[in-house]
């Protein structure tokens, strides 16, 4: 791991760990903003998700805020420590979307200054989302799964083509050698026939 990654990951995850811990300890101040979103999303998720998942989703907004906070703490620690960093970053990105929509709906604010402040917070969260997405796809310079799959298939095709060409060459060489051998045997047979005929006369 490079020095930049060692510094960037904890810096990026710090706000999620701190805010997540605050959400677990004191969720009530966040409930009024989260309530409109959870009232719409929870029934939808329960309808779409398999029963074993849907039955485990908390009913109350307080518990949903706490659950989101716990996920942010775990995702932030995974990203900061590097243990499961890509999954942690992807998880944080997933939690950030509803938090941003519920927490900073600047399009609903009438007051011009308040709307501007909410827009700035919304844009900051979009910047964090971009950073998390980059962290989620960061392979530390090693080829990712998609790259390996694509290039592995291409390499296999190249090797197959080379193998076919080599087999054709070897087949061609074998056929030429067999023809030479047959011609040589035919010449020897003719000479033997001539010698036998000369001896008889």
N, C-alpha and C. Protein backbone atom coordinates (compact mmCIF):
# COMPACT_ATOMS: atom_id res chain seq x y z
N UNK A 1 0.85 -1.18 0.00
CA UNK A 1 0.00 0.00 0.00
C UNK A 1 0.89 1.24 0.00
N UNK A 2 0.52 2.20 -0.84
CA UNK A 2 1.30 3.44 -0.91
C UNK A 2 0.97 4.35 0.27
N UNK A 3 1.83 5.35 0.49
CA UNK A 3 1.62 6.32 1.58
C UNK A 3 0.33 7.09 1.34
N UNK A 4 0.06 7.45 0.08
CA UNK A 4 -1.16 8.22 -0.24
C UNK A 4 -2.40 7.42 0.15
N UNK A 5 -2.42 6.13 -0.20
CA UNK A 5 -3.58 5.30 0.16
C UNK A 5 -3.69 5.16 1.68
N UNK A 6 -2.56 4.98 2.33
CA UNK A 6 -2.56 4.82 3.80
C UNK A 6 -3.12 6.05 4.49
N UNK A 7 -2.93 7.24 3.90
CA UNK A 7 -3.48 8.47 4.47
C UNK A 7 -4.91 8.72 4.01
N UNK A 8 -5.17 8.49 2.72
CA UNK A 8 -6.46 8.86 2.13
C UNK A 8 -7.62 8.03 2.68
N UNK A 9 -7.39 6.74 2.88
CA UNK A 9 -8.50 5.89 3.33
C UNK A 9 -9.03 6.28 4.71
N UNK A 10 -8.17 6.46 5.71
CA UNK A 10 -8.70 6.90 7.01
C UNK A 10 -9.34 8.29 6.95
N UNK A 11 -8.75 9.19 6.14
CA UNK A 11 -9.34 10.53 6.02
C UNK A 11 -10.73 10.47 5.41
N UNK A 12 -10.89 9.64 4.39
CA UNK A 12 -12.19 9.51 3.73
C UNK A 12 -13.22 8.84 4.64
N UNK A 13 -12.77 7.90 5.44
CA UNK A 13 -13.72 7.14 6.26
C UNK A 13 -14.05 7.80 7.59
N UNK A 14 -13.24 8.78 8.01
CA UNK A 14 -13.39 9.37 9.34
C UNK A 14 -14.79 9.92 9.59
N UNK A 15 -15.33 10.66 8.63
CA UNK A 15 -16.64 11.28 8.84
C UNK A 15 -17.73 10.22 9.00
N UNK A 16 -17.59 9.09 8.31
CA UNK A 16 -18.61 8.04 8.40
C UNK A 16 -18.55 7.34 9.75
N UNK A 17 -17.35 7.11 10.26
CA UNK A 17 -17.21 6.47 11.57
C UNK A 17 -17.79 7.38 12.66
N UNK A 18 -17.42 8.67 12.62
CA UNK A 18 -17.89 9.62 13.64
C UNK A 18 -19.40 9.82 13.55
N UNK A 19 -19.91 10.11 12.34
CA UNK A 19 -21.35 10.34 12.18
C UNK A 19 -22.15 9.07 12.45
N UNK A 20 -21.60 7.93 12.04
CA UNK A 20 -22.29 6.66 12.31
C UNK A 20 -22.40 6.39 13.79
N UNK A 21 -21.31 6.64 14.54
CA UNK A 21 -21.35 6.46 16.00
C UNK A 21 -22.35 7.41 16.64
N UNK A 22 -22.41 8.66 16.16
CA UNK A 22 -23.41 9.62 16.68
C UNK A 22 -24.82 9.15 16.39
N UNK A 23 -25.04 8.57 15.21
CA UNK A 23 -26.38 8.09 14.84
C UNK A 23 -26.81 6.93 15.74
N UNK A 24 -25.85 6.10 16.12
CA UNK A 24 -26.18 4.96 17.01
C UNK A 24 -26.53 5.48 18.40
N UNK A 25 -25.72 6.40 18.92
CA UNK A 25 -25.91 6.90 20.29
C UNK A 25 -27.12 7.83 20.41
N UNK A 26 -27.32 8.68 19.39
CA UNK A 26 -28.35 9.71 19.51
C UNK A 26 -29.10 9.86 18.17
N UNK A 27 -29.99 8.93 17.84
CA UNK A 27 -30.65 8.97 16.53
C UNK A 27 -31.81 9.97 16.43
N UNK A 28 -32.35 10.38 17.57
CA UNK A 28 -33.58 11.19 17.55
C UNK A 28 -33.50 12.47 16.71
N UNK A 29 -32.39 13.25 16.77
CA UNK A 29 -32.35 14.47 15.94
C UNK A 29 -32.43 14.19 14.44
N UNK A 30 -32.05 12.98 14.00
CA UNK A 30 -32.06 12.66 12.57
C UNK A 30 -33.39 12.09 12.09
N UNK A 31 -34.25 11.70 13.03
CA UNK A 31 -35.51 11.03 12.67
C UNK A 31 -36.42 11.91 11.82
N UNK A 32 -36.63 13.20 12.16
CA UNK A 32 -37.55 14.01 11.35
C UNK A 32 -37.15 14.10 9.87
N UNK A 33 -35.85 14.20 9.60
CA UNK A 33 -35.40 14.27 8.20
C UNK A 33 -35.49 12.91 7.52
N UNK A 34 -35.21 11.85 8.28
CA UNK A 34 -35.20 10.51 7.69
C UNK A 34 -36.60 9.94 7.48
N UNK A 35 -37.56 10.38 8.30
CA UNK A 35 -38.90 9.79 8.30
C UNK A 35 -39.59 9.78 6.92
N UNK A 36 -39.61 10.90 6.18
CA UNK A 36 -40.29 10.88 4.88
C UNK A 36 -39.68 9.85 3.91
N UNK A 37 -38.38 9.72 3.95
CA UNK A 37 -37.70 8.78 3.05
C UNK A 37 -37.95 7.33 3.49
N UNK A 38 -37.83 7.07 4.78
CA UNK A 38 -38.03 5.70 5.26
C UNK A 38 -39.48 5.25 5.07
N UNK A 39 -40.42 6.18 5.21
CA UNK A 39 -41.83 5.83 5.02
C UNK A 39 -42.10 5.37 3.58
N UNK A 40 -41.33 5.91 2.63
CA UNK A 40 -41.51 5.49 1.23
C UNK A 40 -40.68 4.26 0.88
N UNK A 41 -39.44 4.23 1.39
CA UNK A 41 -38.53 3.17 0.97
C UNK A 41 -38.76 1.82 1.64
N UNK A 42 -39.07 1.83 2.95
CA UNK A 42 -39.18 0.57 3.68
C UNK A 42 -40.27 -0.34 3.10
N UNK A 43 -41.48 0.15 2.85
CA UNK A 43 -42.48 -0.75 2.25
C UNK A 43 -42.06 -1.28 0.88
N UNK A 44 -41.40 -0.43 0.09
CA UNK A 44 -40.92 -0.85 -1.23
C UNK A 44 -39.88 -1.96 -1.11
N UNK A 45 -38.91 -1.77 -0.21
CA UNK A 45 -37.86 -2.78 -0.02
C UNK A 45 -38.47 -4.08 0.50
N UNK A 46 -39.41 -3.98 1.41
CA UNK A 46 -40.05 -5.19 1.95
C UNK A 46 -40.82 -5.96 0.88
N UNK A 47 -41.38 -5.23 -0.08
CA UNK A 47 -42.10 -5.89 -1.18
C UNK A 47 -41.14 -6.59 -2.13
N UNK A 48 -40.01 -5.93 -2.41
CA UNK A 48 -39.06 -6.43 -3.41
C UNK A 48 -38.12 -7.49 -2.84
N UNK A 49 -37.68 -7.29 -1.60
CA UNK A 49 -36.67 -8.18 -1.01
C UNK A 49 -37.27 -9.54 -0.69
N UNK A 50 -36.43 -10.57 -0.65
CA UNK A 50 -36.89 -11.90 -0.21
C UNK A 50 -37.41 -11.82 1.22
N UNK A 51 -38.35 -12.70 1.60
CA UNK A 51 -38.96 -12.62 2.95
C UNK A 51 -37.94 -12.65 4.09
N UNK A 52 -36.89 -13.48 3.96
CA UNK A 52 -35.91 -13.57 5.05
C UNK A 52 -35.15 -12.26 5.25
N UNK A 53 -35.04 -11.44 4.19
CA UNK A 53 -34.41 -10.12 4.31
C UNK A 53 -35.44 -9.08 4.75
N UNK A 54 -36.59 -9.07 4.08
CA UNK A 54 -37.63 -8.08 4.37
C UNK A 54 -38.13 -8.13 5.81
N UNK A 55 -38.18 -9.35 6.39
CA UNK A 55 -38.67 -9.49 7.77
C UNK A 55 -37.69 -8.92 8.80
N UNK A 56 -36.43 -8.76 8.41
CA UNK A 56 -35.41 -8.27 9.35
C UNK A 56 -35.22 -6.76 9.30
N UNK A 57 -35.87 -6.09 8.37
CA UNK A 57 -35.74 -4.63 8.28
C UNK A 57 -36.53 -4.00 9.42
N UNK A 58 -35.88 -3.13 10.22
CA UNK A 58 -36.59 -2.51 11.35
C UNK A 58 -37.79 -1.69 10.87
N UNK A 59 -38.80 -1.66 11.71
CA UNK A 59 -40.03 -0.93 11.39
C UNK A 59 -39.91 0.56 11.72
N UNK A 60 -39.26 0.89 12.85
CA UNK A 60 -39.22 2.27 13.31
C UNK A 60 -38.05 3.03 12.65
N UNK A 61 -38.27 4.29 12.43
CA UNK A 61 -37.24 5.13 11.82
C UNK A 61 -36.03 5.26 12.74
N UNK A 62 -36.26 5.28 14.06
CA UNK A 62 -35.14 5.37 15.01
C UNK A 62 -34.20 4.19 14.81
N UNK A 63 -34.76 3.00 14.71
CA UNK A 63 -33.92 1.81 14.53
C UNK A 63 -33.26 1.79 13.15
N UNK A 64 -33.93 2.32 12.14
CA UNK A 64 -33.32 2.41 10.81
C UNK A 64 -32.14 3.37 10.81
N UNK A 65 -32.28 4.49 11.53
CA UNK A 65 -31.18 5.45 11.64
C UNK A 65 -30.01 4.80 12.37
N UNK A 66 -30.31 4.05 13.44
CA UNK A 66 -29.24 3.34 14.17
C UNK A 66 -28.57 2.30 13.27
N UNK A 67 -29.38 1.55 12.52
CA UNK A 67 -28.83 0.52 11.62
C UNK A 67 -27.92 1.15 10.57
N UNK A 68 -28.37 2.26 10.00
CA UNK A 68 -27.55 2.97 9.01
C UNK A 68 -26.24 3.45 9.65
N UNK A 69 -26.31 3.94 10.88
CA UNK A 69 -25.11 4.37 11.59
C UNK A 69 -24.15 3.21 11.82
N UNK A 70 -24.68 2.05 12.21
CA UNK A 70 -23.83 0.88 12.43
C UNK A 70 -23.14 0.44 11.14
N UNK A 71 -23.90 0.47 10.05
CA UNK A 71 -23.32 0.09 8.75
C UNK A 71 -22.22 1.08 8.37
N UNK A 72 -22.43 2.37 8.65
CA UNK A 72 -21.41 3.36 8.33
C UNK A 72 -20.15 3.18 9.18
N UNK A 73 -20.32 2.85 10.45
CA UNK A 73 -19.14 2.61 11.30
C UNK A 73 -18.36 1.41 10.78
N UNK A 74 -19.06 0.32 10.50
CA UNK A 74 -18.38 -0.89 10.01
C UNK A 74 -17.71 -0.65 8.66
N UNK A 75 -18.44 0.00 7.74
CA UNK A 75 -17.86 0.31 6.43
C UNK A 75 -16.68 1.24 6.52
N UNK A 76 -16.78 2.24 7.42
CA UNK A 76 -15.69 3.19 7.61
C UNK A 76 -14.45 2.52 8.19
N UNK A 77 -14.65 1.62 9.15
CA UNK A 77 -13.50 0.90 9.73
C UNK A 77 -12.87 -0.04 8.71
N UNK A 78 -13.71 -0.68 7.88
CA UNK A 78 -13.16 -1.57 6.84
C UNK A 78 -12.32 -0.77 5.85
N UNK A 79 -12.81 0.40 5.47
CA UNK A 79 -12.06 1.24 4.52
C UNK A 79 -10.78 1.77 5.16
N UNK A 80 -10.87 2.23 6.41
CA UNK A 80 -9.72 2.84 7.08
C UNK A 80 -8.60 1.82 7.33
N UNK A 81 -8.98 0.61 7.73
CA UNK A 81 -7.96 -0.39 8.07
C UNK A 81 -7.45 -1.13 6.84
N UNK A 82 -8.20 -1.10 5.76
CA UNK A 82 -7.80 -1.83 4.56
C UNK A 82 -8.30 -3.26 4.54
N UNK A 83 -8.95 -3.72 5.61
CA UNK A 83 -9.51 -5.08 5.66
C UNK A 83 -10.92 -5.03 5.07
N UNK A 84 -11.06 -5.49 3.87
CA UNK A 84 -12.35 -5.39 3.18
C UNK A 84 -12.62 -3.97 2.71
N UNK A 85 -11.56 -3.28 2.31
CA UNK A 85 -11.66 -1.85 1.97
C UNK A 85 -12.61 -1.58 0.82
N UNK A 86 -12.58 -2.41 -0.23
CA UNK A 86 -13.43 -2.14 -1.39
C UNK A 86 -14.91 -2.37 -1.06
N UNK A 87 -15.19 -3.42 -0.33
CA UNK A 87 -16.57 -3.67 0.10
C UNK A 87 -17.02 -2.57 1.06
N UNK A 88 -16.14 -2.15 1.96
CA UNK A 88 -16.47 -1.07 2.88
C UNK A 88 -16.79 0.22 2.15
N UNK A 89 -15.98 0.56 1.13
CA UNK A 89 -16.22 1.78 0.35
C UNK A 89 -17.55 1.69 -0.41
N UNK A 90 -17.82 0.52 -0.99
CA UNK A 90 -19.09 0.35 -1.73
C UNK A 90 -20.28 0.44 -0.79
N UNK A 91 -20.15 -0.11 0.41
CA UNK A 91 -21.23 -0.05 1.40
C UNK A 91 -21.47 1.40 1.84
N UNK A 92 -20.40 2.13 2.08
CA UNK A 92 -20.53 3.54 2.47
C UNK A 92 -21.20 4.35 1.36
N UNK A 93 -20.82 4.06 0.11
CA UNK A 93 -21.45 4.76 -1.02
C UNK A 93 -22.94 4.49 -1.05
N UNK A 94 -23.32 3.25 -0.76
CA UNK A 94 -24.74 2.89 -0.76
C UNK A 94 -25.49 3.62 0.34
N UNK A 95 -24.90 3.72 1.53
CA UNK A 95 -25.59 4.40 2.63
C UNK A 95 -25.63 5.91 2.43
N UNK A 96 -24.66 6.43 1.68
CA UNK A 96 -24.57 7.89 1.52
C UNK A 96 -25.70 8.44 0.65
N UNK A 97 -26.20 7.64 -0.28
CA UNK A 97 -27.24 8.14 -1.19
C UNK A 97 -28.52 8.52 -0.43
N UNK A 98 -29.13 7.61 0.37
CA UNK A 98 -30.34 8.03 1.10
C UNK A 98 -30.07 9.12 2.14
N UNK A 99 -28.88 9.08 2.76
CA UNK A 99 -28.53 10.11 3.75
C UNK A 99 -28.50 11.49 3.09
N UNK A 100 -27.94 11.55 1.88
CA UNK A 100 -27.84 12.83 1.16
C UNK A 100 -29.22 13.33 0.74
N UNK A 101 -30.02 12.42 0.20
CA UNK A 101 -31.36 12.82 -0.27
C UNK A 101 -32.23 13.26 0.90
N UNK A 102 -32.18 12.52 2.02
CA UNK A 102 -33.01 12.86 3.18
C UNK A 102 -32.46 14.06 3.94
N UNK A 103 -31.14 14.17 4.02
CA UNK A 103 -30.53 15.20 4.87
C UNK A 103 -30.38 16.57 4.23
N UNK A 104 -30.28 16.60 2.89
CA UNK A 104 -30.01 17.89 2.23
C UNK A 104 -30.89 18.10 1.00
N UNK A 105 -32.21 18.08 1.16
CA UNK A 105 -33.10 18.29 0.01
C UNK A 105 -33.23 19.79 -0.30
N UNK A 106 -32.20 20.37 -0.88
CA UNK A 106 -32.16 21.82 -1.11
C UNK A 106 -33.29 22.28 -2.02
N UNK A 107 -33.78 21.39 -2.89
CA UNK A 107 -34.86 21.74 -3.82
C UNK A 107 -36.18 22.02 -3.10
N UNK A 108 -36.29 21.61 -1.84
CA UNK A 108 -37.53 21.84 -1.09
C UNK A 108 -37.45 23.09 -0.20
N UNK A 109 -36.27 23.66 -0.07
CA UNK A 109 -36.07 24.79 0.85
C UNK A 109 -36.45 26.09 0.14
N UNK A 110 -37.27 26.89 0.80
CA UNK A 110 -37.75 28.15 0.21
C UNK A 110 -36.75 29.29 0.42
N UNK A 111 -36.18 29.38 1.63
CA UNK A 111 -35.26 30.48 1.94
C UNK A 111 -34.00 30.36 1.08
N UNK A 112 -33.61 31.47 0.46
CA UNK A 112 -32.49 31.45 -0.49
C UNK A 112 -31.17 31.06 0.16
N UNK A 113 -30.86 31.64 1.34
CA UNK A 113 -29.61 31.34 2.02
C UNK A 113 -29.58 29.90 2.52
N UNK A 114 -30.70 29.46 3.08
CA UNK A 114 -30.78 28.08 3.59
C UNK A 114 -30.66 27.09 2.43
N UNK A 115 -31.29 27.43 1.30
CA UNK A 115 -31.20 26.56 0.12
C UNK A 115 -29.75 26.45 -0.36
N UNK A 116 -29.04 27.60 -0.35
CA UNK A 116 -27.64 27.59 -0.78
C UNK A 116 -26.79 26.73 0.16
N UNK A 117 -27.04 26.85 1.46
CA UNK A 117 -26.28 26.04 2.44
C UNK A 117 -26.55 24.55 2.24
N UNK A 118 -27.81 24.20 2.01
CA UNK A 118 -28.15 22.79 1.78
C UNK A 118 -27.56 22.28 0.46
N UNK A 119 -27.52 23.15 -0.54
CA UNK A 119 -26.93 22.76 -1.83
C UNK A 119 -25.44 22.46 -1.67
N UNK A 120 -24.75 23.30 -0.88
CA UNK A 120 -23.32 23.08 -0.64
C UNK A 120 -23.11 21.73 0.05
N UNK A 121 -23.93 21.43 1.06
CA UNK A 121 -23.80 20.14 1.76
C UNK A 121 -24.10 18.96 0.81
N UNK A 122 -25.10 19.16 -0.04
CA UNK A 122 -25.46 18.13 -1.02
C UNK A 122 -24.27 17.87 -1.95
N UNK A 123 -23.65 18.95 -2.43
CA UNK A 123 -22.50 18.82 -3.33
C UNK A 123 -21.29 18.19 -2.62
N UNK A 124 -21.09 18.52 -1.36
CA UNK A 124 -20.01 17.89 -0.59
C UNK A 124 -20.22 16.38 -0.51
N UNK A 125 -21.47 16.01 -0.26
CA UNK A 125 -21.77 14.57 -0.20
C UNK A 125 -21.56 13.89 -1.54
N UNK A 126 -21.86 14.60 -2.63
CA UNK A 126 -21.58 14.03 -3.95
C UNK A 126 -20.08 13.84 -4.15
N UNK A 127 -19.28 14.79 -3.65
CA UNK A 127 -17.83 14.65 -3.71
C UNK A 127 -17.36 13.44 -2.91
N UNK A 128 -17.93 13.25 -1.71
CA UNK A 128 -17.61 12.06 -0.91
C UNK A 128 -18.01 10.78 -1.66
N UNK A 129 -19.16 10.83 -2.30
CA UNK A 129 -19.63 9.66 -3.07
C UNK A 129 -18.64 9.32 -4.18
N UNK A 130 -18.14 10.35 -4.87
CA UNK A 130 -17.13 10.12 -5.91
C UNK A 130 -15.88 9.48 -5.35
N UNK A 131 -15.41 9.97 -4.20
CA UNK A 131 -14.23 9.39 -3.56
C UNK A 131 -14.46 7.94 -3.15
N UNK A 132 -15.65 7.65 -2.64
CA UNK A 132 -15.97 6.27 -2.24
C UNK A 132 -16.02 5.34 -3.44
N UNK A 133 -16.58 5.83 -4.53
CA UNK A 133 -16.64 5.00 -5.74
C UNK A 133 -15.23 4.70 -6.26
N UNK A 134 -14.36 5.70 -6.22
CA UNK A 134 -12.96 5.45 -6.61
C UNK A 134 -12.30 4.43 -5.69
N UNK A 135 -12.56 4.56 -4.39
CA UNK A 135 -11.97 3.62 -3.42
C UNK A 135 -12.54 2.21 -3.63
N UNK A 136 -13.80 2.13 -4.04
CA UNK A 136 -14.44 0.82 -4.23
C UNK A 136 -13.85 0.07 -5.42
N UNK A 137 -13.35 0.79 -6.41
CA UNK A 137 -12.77 0.13 -7.59
C UNK A 137 -11.24 0.12 -7.58
N UNK A 138 -10.63 0.66 -6.52
CA UNK A 138 -9.17 0.72 -6.44
C UNK A 138 -8.60 -0.68 -6.20
N UNK A 139 -7.82 -1.17 -7.14
CA UNK A 139 -7.20 -2.49 -7.01
C UNK A 139 -5.73 -2.39 -6.61
N UNK A 140 -5.28 -1.21 -6.23
CA UNK A 140 -3.89 -0.96 -5.84
C UNK A 140 -2.91 -1.33 -6.94
N UNK A 141 -3.29 -1.07 -8.17
CA UNK A 141 -2.40 -1.33 -9.30
C UNK A 141 -2.47 -2.74 -9.85
N UNK A 142 -3.14 -3.64 -9.13
CA UNK A 142 -3.29 -5.00 -9.65
C UNK A 142 -4.49 -5.06 -10.57
N UNK A 143 -4.45 -5.93 -11.58
CA UNK A 143 -5.60 -6.02 -12.48
C UNK A 143 -6.85 -6.47 -11.72
N UNK A 144 -7.96 -5.85 -12.06
CA UNK A 144 -9.23 -6.23 -11.45
C UNK A 144 -9.80 -7.49 -12.10
N UNK A 145 -10.90 -7.97 -11.54
CA UNK A 145 -11.51 -9.21 -12.03
C UNK A 145 -11.98 -9.05 -13.47
N UNK A 146 -12.63 -7.92 -13.78
CA UNK A 146 -13.14 -7.71 -15.15
C UNK A 146 -11.99 -7.68 -16.15
N UNK A 147 -10.91 -6.98 -15.79
CA UNK A 147 -9.75 -6.91 -16.69
C UNK A 147 -9.16 -8.30 -16.89
N UNK A 148 -8.99 -9.04 -15.78
CA UNK A 148 -8.41 -10.38 -15.89
C UNK A 148 -9.28 -11.31 -16.73
N UNK A 149 -10.60 -11.20 -16.55
CA UNK A 149 -11.50 -12.06 -17.32
C UNK A 149 -11.40 -11.75 -18.81
N UNK A 150 -11.43 -10.46 -19.16
CA UNK A 150 -11.35 -10.06 -20.56
C UNK A 150 -10.02 -10.45 -21.18
N UNK A 151 -8.93 -10.09 -20.48
CA UNK A 151 -7.60 -10.39 -21.03
C UNK A 151 -7.27 -11.87 -20.97
N UNK A 152 -7.84 -12.57 -20.00
CA UNK A 152 -7.64 -14.02 -19.94
C UNK A 152 -8.27 -14.71 -21.13
N UNK A 153 -9.47 -14.25 -21.51
CA UNK A 153 -10.15 -14.82 -22.68
C UNK A 153 -9.35 -14.52 -23.95
N UNK A 154 -8.85 -13.29 -24.06
CA UNK A 154 -8.05 -12.94 -25.24
C UNK A 154 -6.77 -13.77 -25.31
N UNK A 155 -6.12 -13.92 -24.16
CA UNK A 155 -4.88 -14.72 -24.12
C UNK A 155 -5.17 -16.17 -24.49
N UNK A 156 -6.29 -16.70 -24.02
CA UNK A 156 -6.65 -18.08 -24.36
C UNK A 156 -6.88 -18.23 -25.86
N UNK A 157 -7.54 -17.22 -26.46
CA UNK A 157 -7.76 -17.26 -27.92
C UNK A 157 -6.43 -17.23 -28.67
N UNK A 158 -5.52 -16.33 -28.22
CA UNK A 158 -4.20 -16.24 -28.86
C UNK A 158 -3.46 -17.57 -28.77
N UNK A 159 -3.48 -18.17 -27.59
CA UNK A 159 -2.78 -19.44 -27.39
C UNK A 159 -3.39 -20.54 -28.25
N UNK A 160 -4.72 -20.52 -28.37
CA UNK A 160 -5.39 -21.52 -29.20
C UNK A 160 -4.98 -21.36 -30.65
N UNK A 161 -4.96 -20.09 -31.13
CA UNK A 161 -4.55 -19.85 -32.52
C UNK A 161 -3.12 -20.29 -32.75
N UNK A 162 -2.24 -19.97 -31.79
CA UNK A 162 -0.84 -20.40 -31.92
C UNK A 162 -0.73 -21.92 -31.95
N UNK A 163 -1.50 -22.57 -31.10
CA UNK A 163 -1.48 -24.04 -31.06
C UNK A 163 -1.93 -24.64 -32.37
N UNK A 164 -3.01 -24.07 -32.94
CA UNK A 164 -3.53 -24.57 -34.23
C UNK A 164 -2.48 -24.38 -35.32
N UNK A 165 -1.86 -23.18 -35.35
CA UNK A 165 -0.82 -22.93 -36.37
C UNK A 165 0.35 -23.88 -36.21
N UNK A 166 0.78 -24.09 -34.97
CA UNK A 166 1.90 -25.00 -34.72
C UNK A 166 1.55 -26.42 -35.14
N UNK A 167 0.30 -26.83 -34.85
CA UNK A 167 -0.13 -28.18 -35.24
C UNK A 167 -0.15 -28.32 -36.75
N UNK A 168 -0.62 -27.26 -37.44
CA UNK A 168 -0.63 -27.30 -38.91
C UNK A 168 0.79 -27.40 -39.46
N UNK A 169 1.69 -26.59 -38.86
CA UNK A 169 3.09 -26.65 -39.31
C UNK A 169 3.67 -28.04 -39.12
N UNK A 170 3.42 -28.60 -37.94
CA UNK A 170 3.95 -29.93 -37.65
C UNK A 170 3.33 -30.98 -38.58
N UNK A 171 2.04 -30.83 -38.85
CA UNK A 171 1.37 -31.76 -39.77
C UNK A 171 1.97 -31.63 -41.16
N UNK A 172 2.18 -30.38 -41.60
CA UNK A 172 2.79 -30.14 -42.91
C UNK A 172 4.19 -30.72 -42.98
N UNK A 173 4.97 -30.49 -41.94
CA UNK A 173 6.34 -31.04 -41.92
C UNK A 173 6.30 -32.56 -41.95
N UNK A 174 5.38 -33.14 -41.19
CA UNK A 174 5.27 -34.60 -41.16
C UNK A 174 4.89 -35.15 -42.52
N UNK A 175 3.95 -34.47 -43.19
CA UNK A 175 3.51 -34.93 -44.52
C UNK A 175 4.66 -34.84 -45.52
N UNK A 176 5.43 -33.73 -45.46
CA UNK A 176 6.57 -33.57 -46.37
C UNK A 176 7.62 -34.65 -46.12
N UNK A 177 7.90 -34.90 -44.84
CA UNK A 177 8.89 -35.94 -44.51
C UNK A 177 8.42 -37.30 -44.99
N UNK A 178 7.11 -37.56 -44.85
CA UNK A 178 6.57 -38.86 -45.30
C UNK A 178 6.70 -38.98 -46.82
N UNK A 179 6.43 -37.86 -47.52
CA UNK A 179 6.56 -37.89 -48.99
C UNK A 179 8.01 -38.14 -49.39
N UNK A 180 8.94 -37.44 -48.74
CA UNK A 180 10.37 -37.65 -49.03
C UNK A 180 10.76 -39.11 -48.79
N UNK A 181 10.27 -39.63 -47.67
CA UNK A 181 10.59 -41.02 -47.31
C UNK A 181 10.04 -41.98 -48.36
N UNK A 182 8.80 -41.69 -48.83
CA UNK A 182 8.18 -42.56 -49.85
C UNK A 182 8.94 -42.49 -51.16
N UNK A 183 9.35 -41.25 -51.55
CA UNK A 183 10.13 -41.11 -52.79
C UNK A 183 11.46 -41.87 -52.70
N UNK A 184 12.10 -41.73 -51.54
CA UNK A 184 13.38 -42.42 -51.33
C UNK A 184 13.20 -43.94 -51.43
N UNK A 185 12.15 -44.45 -50.80
CA UNK A 185 11.88 -45.90 -50.86
C UNK A 185 11.57 -46.35 -52.28
N UNK A 186 10.83 -45.50 -53.02
CA UNK A 186 10.50 -45.83 -54.42
C UNK A 186 11.77 -45.89 -55.26
N UNK A 187 12.69 -44.91 -55.06
CA UNK A 187 13.96 -44.92 -55.80
C UNK A 187 14.78 -46.18 -55.48
N UNK A 188 14.83 -46.48 -54.18
CA UNK A 188 15.59 -47.66 -53.77
C UNK A 188 14.98 -48.95 -54.36
N UNK A 189 13.65 -48.97 -54.40
CA UNK A 189 12.98 -50.15 -54.97
C UNK A 189 13.29 -50.28 -56.45
N UNK A 190 13.28 -49.13 -57.17
CA UNK A 190 13.60 -49.15 -58.61
C UNK A 190 15.03 -49.62 -58.83
N UNK A 191 15.96 -49.10 -58.02
CA UNK A 191 17.36 -49.53 -58.16
C UNK A 191 17.51 -51.03 -57.89
N UNK A 192 16.82 -51.50 -56.87
CA UNK A 192 16.89 -52.93 -56.55
C UNK A 192 16.32 -53.74 -57.70
N UNK A 193 15.24 -53.23 -58.33
CA UNK A 193 14.63 -53.96 -59.47
C UNK A 193 15.59 -53.99 -60.65
N UNK A 194 16.26 -52.82 -60.93
CA UNK A 194 17.21 -52.78 -62.02
C UNK A 194 18.36 -53.76 -61.78
N UNK A 195 18.90 -53.78 -60.56
CA UNK A 195 20.00 -54.68 -60.22
C UNK A 195 19.58 -56.14 -60.40
N UNK A 196 18.37 -56.44 -59.95
CA UNK A 196 17.88 -57.82 -60.08
C UNK A 196 17.73 -58.20 -61.55
N UNK A 197 17.25 -57.26 -62.38
CA UNK A 197 17.07 -57.52 -63.81
C UNK A 197 18.42 -57.71 -64.49
N UNK A 198 19.42 -56.87 -64.07
CA UNK A 198 20.76 -56.97 -64.66
C UNK A 198 21.39 -58.32 -64.32
N UNK A 199 21.15 -58.78 -63.12
CA UNK A 199 21.72 -60.06 -62.73
C UNK A 199 21.09 -61.23 -63.51
N UNK A 200 19.82 -61.09 -63.83
CA UNK A 200 19.14 -62.17 -64.55
C UNK A 200 19.58 -62.23 -66.01
N UNK A 201 20.00 -61.13 -66.59
CA UNK A 201 20.40 -61.15 -68.01
C UNK A 201 21.83 -61.46 -68.22
